[in-house]
C-alpha atoms as a PDB file:
ATOM      1  CA  UNK A   1      16.400   8.809  -2.519  1.00  0.00           C
ATOM      2  CA  UNK A   2      17.661   7.997  -6.026  1.00  0.00           C
ATOM      3  CA  UNK A   3      18.744   4.550  -4.854  1.00  0.00           C
ATOM      4  CA  UNK A   4      15.252   3.816  -3.519  1.00  0.00           C
ATOM      5  CA  UNK A   5      13.593   5.132  -6.674  1.00  0.00           C
ATOM      6  CA  UNK A   6      15.823   3.191  -9.056  1.00  0.00           C
ATOM      7  CA  UNK A   7      16.355  -0.101  -7.234  1.00  0.00           C
ATOM      8  CA  UNK A   8      12.959  -0.745  -5.639  1.00  0.00           C
ATOM      9  CA  UNK A   9       9.608  -1.371  -7.305  1.00  0.00           C
ATOM     10  CA  UNK A  10       5.907  -0.876  -6.615  1.00  0.00           C
ATOM     11  CA  UNK A  11       5.749  -4.202  -4.784  1.00  0.00           C
ATOM     12  CA  UNK A  12       8.170  -2.981  -2.115  1.00  0.00           C
ATOM     13  CA  UNK A  13       6.224   0.159  -1.247  1.00  0.00           C
ATOM     14  CA  UNK A  14       4.063   0.239   1.864  1.00  0.00           C
ATOM     15  CA  UNK A  15       0.775   2.172   1.930  1.00  0.00           C
ATOM     16  CA  UNK A  16      -0.126   4.538   4.725  1.00  0.00           C
ATOM     17  CA  UNK A  17      -2.786   3.103   7.006  1.00  0.00           C
ATOM     18  CA  UNK A  18      -6.270   4.423   6.228  1.00  0.00           C
ATOM     19  CA  UNK A  19      -5.425   6.091   2.904  1.00  0.00           C
ATOM     20  CA  UNK A  20      -7.578   3.736   0.805  1.00  0.00           C
ATOM     21  CA  UNK A  21     -10.548   4.415   3.061  1.00  0.00           C
ATOM     22  CA  UNK A  22      -9.889   8.171   2.905  1.00  0.00           C
ATOM     23  CA  UNK A  23      -9.842   8.196  -0.906  1.00  0.00           C
ATOM     24  CA  UNK A  24     -13.002   6.080  -1.017  1.00  0.00           C
ATOM     25  CA  UNK A  25     -14.751   8.536   1.315  1.00  0.00           C
ATOM     26  CA  UNK A  26     -13.565  11.540  -0.714  1.00  0.00           C
ATOM     27  CA  UNK A  27     -14.869  10.024  -3.941  1.00  0.00           C
ATOM     28  CA  UNK A  28     -18.446   9.787  -2.649  1.00  0.00           C
ATOM     29  CA  UNK A  29     -20.503  12.847  -3.524  1.00  0.00           C
ATOM     30  CA  UNK A  30     -22.087  15.114  -0.949  1.00  0.00           C
ATOM     31  CA  UNK A  31     -25.397  13.258  -1.214  1.00  0.00           C
ATOM     32  CA  UNK A  32     -23.803   9.798  -1.018  1.00  0.00           C
ATOM     33  CA  UNK A  33     -24.976   8.800  -4.504  1.00  0.00           C
ATOM     34  CA  UNK A  34     -22.740  10.739  -6.862  1.00  0.00           C
ATOM     35  CA  UNK A  35     -19.157   9.837  -7.571  1.00  0.00           C
ATOM     36  CA  UNK A  36     -16.615  12.629  -7.335  1.00  0.00           C
ATOM     37  CA  UNK A  37     -13.416  12.202  -9.362  1.00  0.00           C
ATOM     38  CA  UNK A  38     -10.122  12.501  -7.528  1.00  0.00           C
ATOM     39  CA  UNK A  39      -6.973  13.731  -9.249  1.00  0.00           C
ATOM     40  CA  UNK A  40      -3.762  12.917  -7.419  1.00  0.00           C
ATOM     41  CA  UNK A  41      -0.577  14.751  -8.403  1.00  0.00           C
ATOM     42  CA  UNK A  42       2.776  13.769  -7.030  1.00  0.00           C
ATOM     43  CA  UNK A  43       6.337  14.937  -7.475  1.00  0.00           C
ATOM     44  CA  UNK A  44       7.675  11.789  -5.884  1.00  0.00           C
ATOM     45  CA  UNK A  45      10.729  10.143  -7.477  1.00  0.00           C
ATOM     46  CA  UNK A  46       8.698   6.898  -7.476  1.00  0.00           C
ATOM     47  CA  UNK A  47       6.892   8.233 -10.542  1.00  0.00           C
ATOM     48  CA  UNK A  48       9.977   8.095 -12.786  1.00  0.00           C
END
């Protein structure tokens, strides 16, 4: 894990399919007009 975190960069990471659409859907308010903020916390070693 340390090797991946230290030797790779953001350009080598692959996103999970559908995550962008999920976050976009979560950010829409219950009435479809308001924007709901999303706070993402991660303990991933990528965030060094």
